[in-house]
N, C-alpha and C. Protein backbone atom coordinates (compact mmCIF):
# COMPACT_ATOMS: atom_id res chain seq x y z
N UNK A 1 0.85 -1.20 0.00
CA UNK A 1 0.00 0.00 0.00
C UNK A 1 0.88 1.25 0.00
N UNK A 2 0.59 2.17 -0.92
CA UNK A 2 1.41 3.38 -1.05
C UNK A 2 1.21 4.29 0.14
N UNK A 3 2.29 4.92 0.57
CA UNK A 3 2.21 5.85 1.69
C UNK A 3 1.62 7.16 1.19
N UNK A 4 0.63 7.74 1.90
CA UNK A 4 0.02 8.99 1.43
C UNK A 4 1.03 10.14 1.45
N UNK A 5 0.82 11.11 0.57
CA UNK A 5 1.70 12.27 0.51
C UNK A 5 1.55 13.08 1.79
N UNK A 6 2.66 13.59 2.27
CA UNK A 6 2.64 14.42 3.48
C UNK A 6 3.02 15.86 3.15
N UNK A 7 2.78 16.26 1.91
CA UNK A 7 3.12 17.62 1.50
C UNK A 7 2.06 18.16 0.56
N UNK A 8 2.04 19.48 0.40
CA UNK A 8 1.10 20.17 -0.47
C UNK A 8 1.70 20.22 -1.88
N UNK A 9 1.11 19.49 -2.81
CA UNK A 9 1.65 19.41 -4.17
C UNK A 9 1.69 20.78 -4.84
N UNK A 10 0.64 21.58 -4.64
CA UNK A 10 0.60 22.90 -5.28
C UNK A 10 1.71 23.80 -4.73
N UNK A 11 1.95 23.70 -3.45
CA UNK A 11 3.01 24.50 -2.84
C UNK A 11 4.38 24.09 -3.37
N UNK A 12 4.62 22.79 -3.48
CA UNK A 12 5.90 22.31 -4.01
C UNK A 12 6.05 22.68 -5.49
N UNK A 13 4.94 22.62 -6.22
CA UNK A 13 4.99 22.99 -7.64
C UNK A 13 5.33 24.46 -7.79
N UNK A 14 4.81 25.29 -6.89
CA UNK A 14 5.13 26.71 -6.92
C UNK A 14 6.62 26.94 -6.68
N UNK A 15 7.20 26.17 -5.77
CA UNK A 15 8.64 26.27 -5.52
C UNK A 15 9.42 25.87 -6.78
N UNK A 16 8.99 24.79 -7.41
CA UNK A 16 9.65 24.34 -8.64
C UNK A 16 9.51 25.38 -9.74
N UNK A 17 8.33 25.99 -9.84
CA UNK A 17 8.11 27.02 -10.85
C UNK A 17 9.10 28.16 -10.68
N UNK A 18 9.25 28.64 -9.46
CA UNK A 18 10.16 29.75 -9.22
C UNK A 18 11.61 29.37 -9.47
N UNK A 19 11.96 28.12 -9.19
CA UNK A 19 13.32 27.65 -9.45
C UNK A 19 13.60 27.57 -10.95
N UNK A 20 12.69 26.96 -11.70
CA UNK A 20 12.85 26.89 -13.16
C UNK A 20 12.84 28.28 -13.77
N UNK A 21 11.98 29.13 -13.27
CA UNK A 21 11.86 30.50 -13.78
C UNK A 21 13.18 31.25 -13.58
N UNK A 22 13.79 31.06 -12.43
CA UNK A 22 15.02 31.77 -12.10
C UNK A 22 16.23 31.19 -12.82
N UNK A 23 16.30 29.85 -12.91
CA UNK A 23 17.51 29.21 -13.43
C UNK A 23 17.37 28.66 -14.84
N UNK A 24 16.14 28.41 -15.30
CA UNK A 24 15.93 27.76 -16.57
C UNK A 24 15.88 26.25 -16.41
N UNK A 25 15.38 25.56 -17.42
CA UNK A 25 15.24 24.10 -17.35
C UNK A 25 16.59 23.41 -17.32
N UNK A 26 17.46 23.77 -18.24
CA UNK A 26 18.72 23.05 -18.39
C UNK A 26 19.67 23.26 -17.21
N UNK A 27 19.63 24.44 -16.61
CA UNK A 27 20.54 24.73 -15.50
C UNK A 27 20.02 24.23 -14.16
N UNK A 28 18.80 23.73 -14.14
CA UNK A 28 18.22 23.22 -12.89
C UNK A 28 18.41 21.71 -12.84
N UNK A 29 19.19 21.26 -11.89
CA UNK A 29 19.47 19.83 -11.76
C UNK A 29 18.45 19.17 -10.83
N UNK A 30 18.44 17.85 -10.86
CA UNK A 30 17.58 17.11 -9.93
C UNK A 30 18.02 17.35 -8.49
N UNK A 31 19.32 17.54 -8.29
CA UNK A 31 19.80 17.88 -6.94
C UNK A 31 19.23 19.22 -6.49
N UNK A 32 19.17 20.18 -7.41
CA UNK A 32 18.56 21.48 -7.10
C UNK A 32 17.11 21.31 -6.68
N UNK A 33 16.39 20.50 -7.45
CA UNK A 33 14.97 20.28 -7.15
C UNK A 33 14.79 19.61 -5.80
N UNK A 34 15.60 18.60 -5.52
CA UNK A 34 15.53 17.93 -4.22
C UNK A 34 15.77 18.92 -3.08
N UNK A 35 16.77 19.76 -3.26
CA UNK A 35 17.14 20.71 -2.21
C UNK A 35 16.05 21.76 -1.98
N UNK A 36 15.53 22.34 -3.06
CA UNK A 36 14.55 23.42 -2.92
C UNK A 36 13.16 22.91 -2.54
N UNK A 37 12.78 21.77 -3.10
CA UNK A 37 11.46 21.22 -2.78
C UNK A 37 11.47 20.47 -1.45
N UNK A 38 12.68 20.16 -0.97
CA UNK A 38 12.85 19.39 0.26
C UNK A 38 12.11 18.05 0.16
N UNK A 39 12.31 17.43 -0.99
CA UNK A 39 11.73 16.11 -1.26
C UNK A 39 12.82 15.21 -1.83
N UNK A 40 12.71 13.92 -1.54
CA UNK A 40 13.60 12.96 -2.16
C UNK A 40 13.19 12.78 -3.62
N UNK A 41 14.14 12.31 -4.40
CA UNK A 41 13.91 12.17 -5.84
C UNK A 41 12.70 11.31 -6.15
N UNK A 42 12.55 10.20 -5.43
CA UNK A 42 11.42 9.30 -5.72
C UNK A 42 10.09 9.98 -5.41
N UNK A 43 10.07 10.88 -4.41
CA UNK A 43 8.84 11.61 -4.09
C UNK A 43 8.49 12.60 -5.19
N UNK A 44 9.52 13.22 -5.78
CA UNK A 44 9.29 14.14 -6.90
C UNK A 44 8.73 13.37 -8.09
N UNK A 45 9.33 12.22 -8.40
CA UNK A 45 8.85 11.40 -9.51
C UNK A 45 7.41 10.95 -9.28
N UNK A 46 7.12 10.50 -8.05
CA UNK A 46 5.78 10.00 -7.75
C UNK A 46 4.72 11.10 -7.86
N UNK A 47 5.09 12.31 -7.45
CA UNK A 47 4.12 13.41 -7.43
C UNK A 47 3.99 14.12 -8.77
N UNK A 48 5.10 14.26 -9.49
CA UNK A 48 5.10 15.12 -10.68
C UNK A 48 5.62 14.45 -11.95
N UNK A 49 6.21 13.28 -11.83
CA UNK A 49 6.83 12.67 -12.99
C UNK A 49 8.28 13.09 -13.11
N UNK A 50 8.85 12.88 -14.29
CA UNK A 50 10.25 13.23 -14.51
C UNK A 50 10.42 14.75 -14.58
N UNK A 51 11.66 15.18 -14.65
CA UNK A 51 11.98 16.61 -14.64
C UNK A 51 11.24 17.38 -15.74
N UNK A 52 11.18 16.81 -16.92
CA UNK A 52 10.51 17.48 -18.03
C UNK A 52 9.02 17.66 -17.76
N UNK A 53 8.39 16.65 -17.16
CA UNK A 53 6.97 16.75 -16.84
C UNK A 53 6.74 17.80 -15.75
N UNK A 54 7.64 17.85 -14.79
CA UNK A 54 7.55 18.86 -13.74
C UNK A 54 7.68 20.26 -14.32
N UNK A 55 8.58 20.41 -15.29
CA UNK A 55 8.76 21.71 -15.94
C UNK A 55 7.48 22.14 -16.65
N UNK A 56 6.86 21.21 -17.37
CA UNK A 56 5.61 21.54 -18.06
C UNK A 56 4.55 21.99 -17.06
N UNK A 57 4.44 21.28 -15.95
CA UNK A 57 3.46 21.65 -14.93
C UNK A 57 3.78 23.02 -14.32
N UNK A 58 5.07 23.34 -14.21
CA UNK A 58 5.48 24.64 -13.69
C UNK A 58 5.07 25.75 -14.65
N UNK A 59 5.26 25.52 -15.94
CA UNK A 59 4.84 26.50 -16.94
C UNK A 59 3.32 26.68 -16.91
N UNK A 60 2.60 25.58 -16.79
CA UNK A 60 1.14 25.65 -16.70
C UNK A 60 0.71 26.47 -15.48
N UNK A 61 1.38 26.25 -14.36
CA UNK A 61 1.04 26.99 -13.13
C UNK A 61 1.29 28.48 -13.32
N UNK A 62 2.41 28.83 -13.94
CA UNK A 62 2.71 30.24 -14.19
C UNK A 62 1.63 30.87 -15.06
N UNK A 63 1.25 30.20 -16.12
CA UNK A 63 0.23 30.74 -17.02
C UNK A 63 -1.09 30.93 -16.27
N UNK A 64 -1.46 29.94 -15.48
CA UNK A 64 -2.76 29.97 -14.79
C UNK A 64 -2.80 31.00 -13.66
N UNK A 65 -1.72 31.13 -12.92
CA UNK A 65 -1.75 31.98 -11.73
C UNK A 65 -1.15 33.36 -11.91
N UNK A 66 -0.36 33.57 -12.96
CA UNK A 66 0.30 34.85 -13.13
C UNK A 66 0.04 35.49 -14.49
N UNK A 67 0.19 34.72 -15.56
CA UNK A 67 0.06 35.28 -16.90
C UNK A 67 -1.39 35.64 -17.21
N UNK A 68 -2.30 34.68 -17.05
CA UNK A 68 -3.70 34.93 -17.38
C UNK A 68 -4.33 36.01 -16.51
N UNK A 69 -4.09 36.04 -15.19
CA UNK A 69 -4.63 37.14 -14.40
C UNK A 69 -4.10 38.51 -14.82
N UNK A 70 -2.86 38.55 -15.32
CA UNK A 70 -2.27 39.83 -15.74
C UNK A 70 -2.94 40.38 -16.99
N UNK A 71 -3.35 39.49 -17.91
CA UNK A 71 -3.97 39.97 -19.15
C UNK A 71 -5.49 40.08 -19.05
N UNK A 72 -6.08 39.56 -17.98
CA UNK A 72 -7.54 39.58 -17.85
C UNK A 72 -8.14 40.99 -17.94
N UNK A 73 -7.53 42.02 -17.31
CA UNK A 73 -8.11 43.37 -17.43
C UNK A 73 -8.23 43.86 -18.86
N UNK A 74 -7.32 43.42 -19.74
CA UNK A 74 -7.40 43.82 -21.14
C UNK A 74 -8.65 43.25 -21.80
N UNK A 75 -9.01 42.04 -21.42
CA UNK A 75 -10.19 41.39 -22.00
C UNK A 75 -11.48 42.04 -21.53
N UNK A 76 -11.41 42.79 -20.44
CA UNK A 76 -12.61 43.38 -19.86
C UNK A 76 -12.71 44.88 -20.13
N UNK A 77 -11.74 45.43 -20.87
CA UNK A 77 -11.71 46.88 -21.05
C UNK A 77 -12.01 47.28 -22.50
N UNK A 78 -12.49 48.52 -22.64
CA UNK A 78 -12.69 49.08 -23.98
C UNK A 78 -11.93 50.40 -24.10
N UNK A 79 -10.89 50.56 -23.30
CA UNK A 79 -10.17 51.82 -23.21
C UNK A 79 -8.68 51.60 -23.51
N UNK A 80 -8.13 52.43 -24.38
CA UNK A 80 -6.71 52.31 -24.72
C UNK A 80 -5.81 52.51 -23.51
N UNK A 81 -6.31 53.24 -22.51
CA UNK A 81 -5.51 53.45 -21.31
C UNK A 81 -5.20 52.13 -20.60
N UNK A 82 -6.05 51.12 -20.81
CA UNK A 82 -5.81 49.82 -20.19
C UNK A 82 -4.51 49.20 -20.71
N UNK A 83 -4.16 49.51 -21.95
CA UNK A 83 -2.92 48.98 -22.52
C UNK A 83 -1.71 49.61 -21.83
N UNK A 84 -1.78 50.93 -21.66
CA UNK A 84 -0.68 51.60 -20.95
C UNK A 84 -0.56 51.08 -19.52
N UNK A 85 -1.69 50.90 -18.85
CA UNK A 85 -1.68 50.38 -17.48
C UNK A 85 -1.08 48.98 -17.43
N UNK A 86 -1.43 48.15 -18.40
CA UNK A 86 -0.89 46.80 -18.46
C UNK A 86 0.63 46.82 -18.55
N UNK A 87 1.16 47.65 -19.44
CA UNK A 87 2.61 47.71 -19.60
C UNK A 87 3.29 48.33 -18.39
N UNK A 88 2.68 49.36 -17.81
CA UNK A 88 3.26 49.99 -16.62
C UNK A 88 3.32 48.99 -15.47
N UNK A 89 2.24 48.24 -15.28
CA UNK A 89 2.20 47.24 -14.21
C UNK A 89 3.20 46.11 -14.47
N UNK A 90 3.29 45.69 -15.74
CA UNK A 90 4.22 44.62 -16.11
C UNK A 90 5.66 45.02 -15.85
N UNK A 91 6.01 46.22 -16.28
CA UNK A 91 7.38 46.69 -16.10
C UNK A 91 7.71 46.87 -14.62
N UNK A 92 6.76 47.40 -13.86
CA UNK A 92 6.99 47.61 -12.43
C UNK A 92 7.17 46.27 -11.72
N UNK A 93 6.37 45.28 -12.11
CA UNK A 93 6.47 43.97 -11.47
C UNK A 93 7.83 43.33 -11.73
N UNK A 94 8.23 43.28 -12.99
CA UNK A 94 9.49 42.61 -13.31
C UNK A 94 10.70 43.39 -12.79
N UNK A 95 10.60 44.72 -12.77
CA UNK A 95 11.71 45.52 -12.25
C UNK A 95 11.91 45.29 -10.76
N UNK A 96 10.85 44.85 -10.10
CA UNK A 96 10.91 44.64 -8.65
C UNK A 96 11.44 43.26 -8.27
N UNK A 97 11.66 42.41 -9.28
CA UNK A 97 12.14 41.05 -9.00
C UNK A 97 13.65 41.07 -8.74
N UNK A 98 14.09 40.47 -7.64
CA UNK A 98 15.51 40.55 -7.27
C UNK A 98 16.46 39.87 -8.26
N UNK A 99 15.97 38.88 -8.99
CA UNK A 99 16.84 38.15 -9.91
C UNK A 99 16.73 38.63 -11.35
N UNK A 100 16.12 39.81 -11.54
CA UNK A 100 15.94 40.37 -12.89
C UNK A 100 15.24 39.36 -13.79
N UNK A 101 14.17 38.79 -13.29
CA UNK A 101 13.44 37.79 -14.05
C UNK A 101 12.72 38.40 -15.23
N UNK A 102 12.56 37.59 -16.26
CA UNK A 102 11.74 37.95 -17.41
C UNK A 102 10.44 37.15 -17.31
N UNK A 103 9.56 37.30 -18.28
CA UNK A 103 8.32 36.52 -18.31
C UNK A 103 8.67 35.04 -18.51
N UNK A 104 8.13 34.18 -17.67
CA UNK A 104 8.46 32.75 -17.74
C UNK A 104 7.98 32.15 -19.07
N UNK A 105 6.85 32.61 -19.59
CA UNK A 105 6.38 32.14 -20.90
C UNK A 105 7.41 32.48 -21.96
N UNK A 106 7.91 33.70 -21.92
CA UNK A 106 8.91 34.17 -22.87
C UNK A 106 10.19 33.34 -22.75
N UNK A 107 10.63 33.09 -21.52
CA UNK A 107 11.85 32.33 -21.30
C UNK A 107 11.68 30.87 -21.71
N UNK A 108 10.53 30.29 -21.39
CA UNK A 108 10.29 28.88 -21.76
C UNK A 108 10.26 28.70 -23.27
N UNK A 109 9.65 29.65 -23.96
CA UNK A 109 9.57 29.53 -25.42
C UNK A 109 10.95 29.67 -26.06
N UNK A 110 11.83 30.42 -25.41
CA UNK A 110 13.19 30.58 -25.95
C UNK A 110 14.08 29.38 -25.62
N UNK A 111 13.89 28.80 -24.43
CA UNK A 111 14.84 27.77 -23.99
C UNK A 111 14.51 26.38 -24.50
N UNK A 112 13.27 25.97 -24.45
CA UNK A 112 12.96 24.56 -24.74
C UNK A 112 12.04 24.35 -25.94
N UNK A 113 11.43 25.39 -26.46
CA UNK A 113 10.58 25.23 -27.64
C UNK A 113 11.45 25.38 -28.88
N UNK A 114 11.24 24.60 -29.94
CA UNK A 114 10.23 23.54 -30.08
C UNK A 114 10.72 22.15 -29.65
N UNK A 115 11.83 22.09 -28.92
CA UNK A 115 12.36 20.80 -28.49
C UNK A 115 11.33 20.02 -27.68
N UNK A 116 10.61 20.71 -26.80
CA UNK A 116 9.55 20.09 -26.01
C UNK A 116 8.21 20.51 -26.61
N UNK A 117 7.59 19.65 -27.36
CA UNK A 117 6.37 20.02 -28.07
C UNK A 117 5.24 20.41 -27.13
N UNK A 118 5.15 19.75 -25.97
CA UNK A 118 4.07 20.07 -25.04
C UNK A 118 4.24 21.46 -24.44
N UNK A 119 5.48 21.82 -24.11
CA UNK A 119 5.74 23.16 -23.59
C UNK A 119 5.58 24.20 -24.69
N UNK A 120 6.02 23.85 -25.90
CA UNK A 120 5.85 24.76 -27.04
C UNK A 120 4.38 25.07 -27.27
N UNK A 121 3.52 24.06 -27.12
CA UNK A 121 2.08 24.27 -27.31
C UNK A 121 1.54 25.21 -26.23
N UNK A 122 2.02 25.05 -25.00
CA UNK A 122 1.57 25.92 -23.91
C UNK A 122 1.98 27.37 -24.14
N UNK A 123 3.24 27.58 -24.52
CA UNK A 123 3.70 28.95 -24.71
C UNK A 123 3.07 29.58 -25.94
N UNK A 124 2.83 28.78 -26.98
CA UNK A 124 2.16 29.30 -28.18
C UNK A 124 0.74 29.73 -27.84
N UNK A 125 0.05 28.93 -27.04
CA UNK A 125 -1.32 29.29 -26.65
C UNK A 125 -1.33 30.55 -25.79
N UNK A 126 -0.36 30.67 -24.90
CA UNK A 126 -0.27 31.86 -24.06
C UNK A 126 0.00 33.10 -24.90
N UNK A 127 0.88 32.98 -25.88
CA UNK A 127 1.16 34.11 -26.77
C UNK A 127 -0.06 34.49 -27.58
N UNK A 128 -0.84 33.49 -27.99
CA UNK A 128 -2.09 33.77 -28.70
C UNK A 128 -3.08 34.48 -27.79
N UNK A 129 -3.15 34.05 -26.53
CA UNK A 129 -4.02 34.72 -25.56
C UNK A 129 -3.63 36.18 -25.39
N UNK A 130 -2.32 36.44 -25.33
CA UNK A 130 -1.85 37.82 -25.18
C UNK A 130 -2.27 38.65 -26.38
N UNK A 131 -2.06 38.11 -27.58
CA UNK A 131 -2.44 38.85 -28.78
C UNK A 131 -3.95 39.10 -28.81
N UNK A 132 -4.73 38.09 -28.49
CA UNK A 132 -6.18 38.24 -28.52
C UNK A 132 -6.68 39.23 -27.48
N UNK A 133 -5.97 39.32 -26.35
CA UNK A 133 -6.37 40.30 -25.34
C UNK A 133 -6.14 41.72 -25.86
N UNK A 134 -5.05 41.92 -26.61
CA UNK A 134 -4.83 43.23 -27.23
C UNK A 134 -5.87 43.51 -28.31
N UNK A 135 -6.17 42.49 -29.11
CA UNK A 135 -7.20 42.65 -30.14
C UNK A 135 -8.53 43.04 -29.50
N UNK A 136 -8.86 42.40 -28.39
CA UNK A 136 -10.13 42.66 -27.71
C UNK A 136 -10.27 44.11 -27.29
N UNK A 137 -9.27 44.63 -26.58
CA UNK A 137 -9.38 46.00 -26.10
C UNK A 137 -9.31 46.99 -27.26
N UNK A 138 -8.50 46.71 -28.27
CA UNK A 138 -8.39 47.60 -29.43
C UNK A 138 -9.70 47.65 -30.21
N UNK A 139 -10.30 46.49 -30.44
CA UNK A 139 -11.54 46.46 -31.20
C UNK A 139 -12.67 47.17 -30.45
N UNK A 140 -12.72 46.99 -29.15
CA UNK A 140 -13.74 47.68 -28.36
C UNK A 140 -13.52 49.19 -28.37
N UNK A 141 -12.26 49.60 -28.35
CA UNK A 141 -11.96 51.03 -28.42
C UNK A 141 -12.38 51.61 -29.76
N UNK A 142 -12.19 50.83 -30.83
CA UNK A 142 -12.65 51.26 -32.16
C UNK A 142 -14.17 51.34 -32.18
N UNK A 143 -14.82 50.31 -31.66
CA UNK A 143 -16.28 50.24 -31.70
C UNK A 143 -16.94 51.39 -30.94
N UNK A 144 -16.31 51.84 -29.87
CA UNK A 144 -16.93 52.93 -29.09
C UNK A 144 -16.45 54.31 -29.55
N UNK A 145 -15.59 54.32 -30.58
CA UNK A 145 -15.16 55.59 -31.16
C UNK A 145 -13.96 56.22 -30.49
N UNK A 146 -13.31 55.50 -29.58
CA UNK A 146 -12.13 56.05 -28.93
C UNK A 146 -10.91 55.92 -29.82
N UNK A 147 -10.84 54.82 -30.57
CA UNK A 147 -9.72 54.59 -31.48
C UNK A 147 -10.19 54.80 -32.92
N UNK A 148 -9.25 55.12 -33.78
CA UNK A 148 -9.57 55.38 -35.19
C UNK A 148 -10.21 54.15 -35.84
N UNK A 149 -11.23 54.40 -36.64
CA UNK A 149 -11.90 53.29 -37.33
C UNK A 149 -10.98 52.63 -38.35
N UNK A 150 -9.97 53.38 -38.80
CA UNK A 150 -9.03 52.84 -39.80
C UNK A 150 -7.89 52.04 -39.16
N UNK A 151 -7.89 51.96 -37.84
CA UNK A 151 -6.81 51.25 -37.16
C UNK A 151 -6.84 49.77 -37.52
N UNK A 152 -5.71 49.25 -37.97
CA UNK A 152 -5.60 47.82 -38.23
C UNK A 152 -5.41 47.10 -36.90
N UNK A 153 -6.50 46.59 -36.37
CA UNK A 153 -6.48 46.04 -35.01
C UNK A 153 -5.50 44.88 -34.87
N UNK A 154 -5.50 43.96 -35.81
CA UNK A 154 -4.61 42.80 -35.71
C UNK A 154 -3.15 43.19 -35.87
N UNK A 155 -2.88 44.13 -36.77
CA UNK A 155 -1.50 44.59 -36.94
C UNK A 155 -1.03 45.34 -35.69
N UNK A 156 -1.92 46.14 -35.11
CA UNK A 156 -1.58 46.86 -33.88
C UNK A 156 -1.32 45.88 -32.74
N UNK A 157 -2.12 44.81 -32.68
CA UNK A 157 -1.92 43.79 -31.65
C UNK A 157 -0.58 43.09 -31.83
N UNK A 158 -0.20 42.81 -33.08
CA UNK A 158 1.10 42.20 -33.36
C UNK A 158 2.23 43.10 -32.84
N UNK A 159 2.08 44.40 -33.09
CA UNK A 159 3.09 45.35 -32.60
C UNK A 159 3.19 45.30 -31.08
N UNK A 160 2.04 45.27 -30.40
CA UNK A 160 2.04 45.28 -28.94
C UNK A 160 2.65 44.00 -28.36
N UNK A 161 2.42 42.87 -29.03
CA UNK A 161 3.04 41.62 -28.58
C UNK A 161 4.57 41.73 -28.71
N UNK A 162 5.03 42.26 -29.83
CA UNK A 162 6.47 42.45 -30.03
C UNK A 162 7.03 43.43 -29.00
N UNK A 163 6.27 44.48 -28.72
CA UNK A 163 6.67 45.47 -27.72
C UNK A 163 6.79 44.81 -26.35
N UNK A 164 5.83 43.95 -26.04
CA UNK A 164 5.85 43.22 -24.76
C UNK A 164 7.11 42.36 -24.64
N UNK A 165 7.41 41.63 -25.69
CA UNK A 165 8.60 40.77 -25.66
C UNK A 165 9.87 41.60 -25.45
N UNK A 166 9.91 42.75 -26.09
CA UNK A 166 11.07 43.62 -25.92
C UNK A 166 11.18 44.14 -24.50
N UNK A 167 10.04 44.50 -23.93
CA UNK A 167 10.04 45.04 -22.56
C UNK A 167 10.48 43.98 -21.55
N UNK A 168 9.88 42.80 -21.61
CA UNK A 168 10.22 41.77 -20.61
C UNK A 168 11.62 41.21 -20.86
N UNK A 169 12.05 41.17 -22.12
CA UNK A 169 13.40 40.71 -22.41
C UNK A 169 14.45 41.68 -21.92
N UNK A 170 14.15 42.97 -22.02
CA UNK A 170 15.11 43.99 -21.59
C UNK A 170 15.25 44.05 -20.08
N UNK A 171 14.30 43.47 -19.37
CA UNK A 171 14.38 43.50 -17.91
C UNK A 171 15.64 42.81 -17.39
N UNK A 172 16.16 41.87 -18.17
CA UNK A 172 17.36 41.13 -17.73
C UNK A 172 18.60 42.00 -17.68
N UNK A 173 18.59 43.17 -18.33
CA UNK A 173 19.77 44.03 -18.34
C UNK A 173 19.62 45.20 -17.38
N UNK A 174 18.78 45.01 -16.38
CA UNK A 174 18.60 45.96 -15.30
C UNK A 174 18.23 47.36 -15.77
N UNK A 175 17.04 47.51 -16.36
CA UNK A 175 16.59 48.85 -16.73
C UNK A 175 16.34 49.69 -15.49
N UNK A 176 16.66 50.97 -15.58
CA UNK A 176 16.41 51.84 -14.44
C UNK A 176 15.09 52.59 -14.63
N UNK A 177 14.76 53.43 -13.66
CA UNK A 177 13.48 54.15 -13.70
C UNK A 177 13.40 55.07 -14.91
N UNK A 178 14.52 55.66 -15.29
CA UNK A 178 14.53 56.56 -16.44
C UNK A 178 14.22 55.79 -17.72
N UNK A 179 14.79 54.60 -17.84
CA UNK A 179 14.50 53.76 -19.02
C UNK A 179 13.03 53.40 -19.08
N UNK A 180 12.47 53.01 -17.95
CA UNK A 180 11.06 52.63 -17.90
C UNK A 180 10.17 53.80 -18.28
N UNK A 181 10.50 54.98 -17.77
CA UNK A 181 9.70 56.17 -18.08
C UNK A 181 9.77 56.49 -19.57
N UNK A 182 10.95 56.31 -20.16
CA UNK A 182 11.13 56.58 -21.58
C UNK A 182 10.31 55.61 -22.43
N UNK A 183 10.33 54.33 -22.06
CA UNK A 183 9.57 53.32 -22.80
C UNK A 183 8.08 53.61 -22.71
N UNK A 184 7.60 53.93 -21.52
CA UNK A 184 6.17 54.23 -21.36
C UNK A 184 5.78 55.49 -22.12
N UNK A 185 6.68 56.45 -22.17
CA UNK A 185 6.41 57.68 -22.93
C UNK A 185 6.26 57.37 -24.42
N UNK A 186 7.13 56.51 -24.94
CA UNK A 186 7.02 56.11 -26.34
C UNK A 186 5.72 55.37 -26.61
N UNK A 187 5.36 54.48 -25.69
CA UNK A 187 4.10 53.75 -25.85
C UNK A 187 2.92 54.71 -25.81
N UNK A 188 2.96 55.68 -24.92
CA UNK A 188 1.88 56.66 -24.80
C UNK A 188 1.71 57.43 -26.11
N UNK A 189 2.81 57.78 -26.75
CA UNK A 189 2.74 58.50 -28.03
C UNK A 189 2.10 57.62 -29.10
N UNK A 190 2.45 56.35 -29.11
CA UNK A 190 1.87 55.43 -30.10
C UNK A 190 0.37 55.28 -29.87
N UNK A 191 -0.02 55.09 -28.63
CA UNK A 191 -1.44 54.96 -28.32
C UNK A 191 -2.20 56.23 -28.68
N UNK A 192 -1.57 57.37 -28.45
CA UNK A 192 -2.20 58.65 -28.80
C UNK A 192 -2.44 58.73 -30.31
N UNK A 193 -1.48 58.22 -31.09
CA UNK A 193 -1.63 58.26 -32.56
C UNK A 193 -2.75 57.35 -33.05
N UNK A 194 -3.15 56.40 -32.22
CA UNK A 194 -4.24 55.49 -32.59
C UNK A 194 -5.61 56.05 -32.21
N UNK A 195 -5.63 57.08 -31.39
CA UNK A 195 -6.91 57.61 -30.91
C UNK A 195 -7.65 58.36 -32.03
N UNK A 196 -8.96 58.30 -31.93
CA UNK A 196 -9.78 59.06 -32.88
C UNK A 196 -9.63 60.54 -32.56
N UNK A 197 -9.70 61.40 -33.61
CA UNK A 197 -9.54 62.83 -33.37
C UNK A 197 -10.78 63.39 -32.68
């Protein structure tokens, strides 16, 4: 008869998520996982599967608990200001991370996709969600007359996704407050150019 688990799987998965997020998949050893999760190797295998399966679950947890909640306000808004708020909040969050972390979706897609098809599918879906959230707020802004009717919503959303990747990727080189203010000022000018007269 198997011995029941004496630990919180979600809590341990959160620890693994932060470890993978900070170090990456390849640089995180099983010894690292044992040490940080405070579990023996067989307990990790029994609860989560092999290292690759644990990594996939960590990416899923990040998307569910951090990525999707961050983009949810965009799906509920019809105001271009929501886009500026999203980027300001995103930059402030990542700038406050002690290890200069980037977006875990962004990092996972760079490190293991397309080598790991299951993780690649997760990050691709998350990137699609991000684009669709921009499309949603842009289209609603057009529909209510706040944004120009001639605005190419899908092209604008593509630009914003690229802008997002640049912002979160640049976080690794320790941007300062002046850099953040400059980036937000540029974004504000772009959003202003999209507004209806």
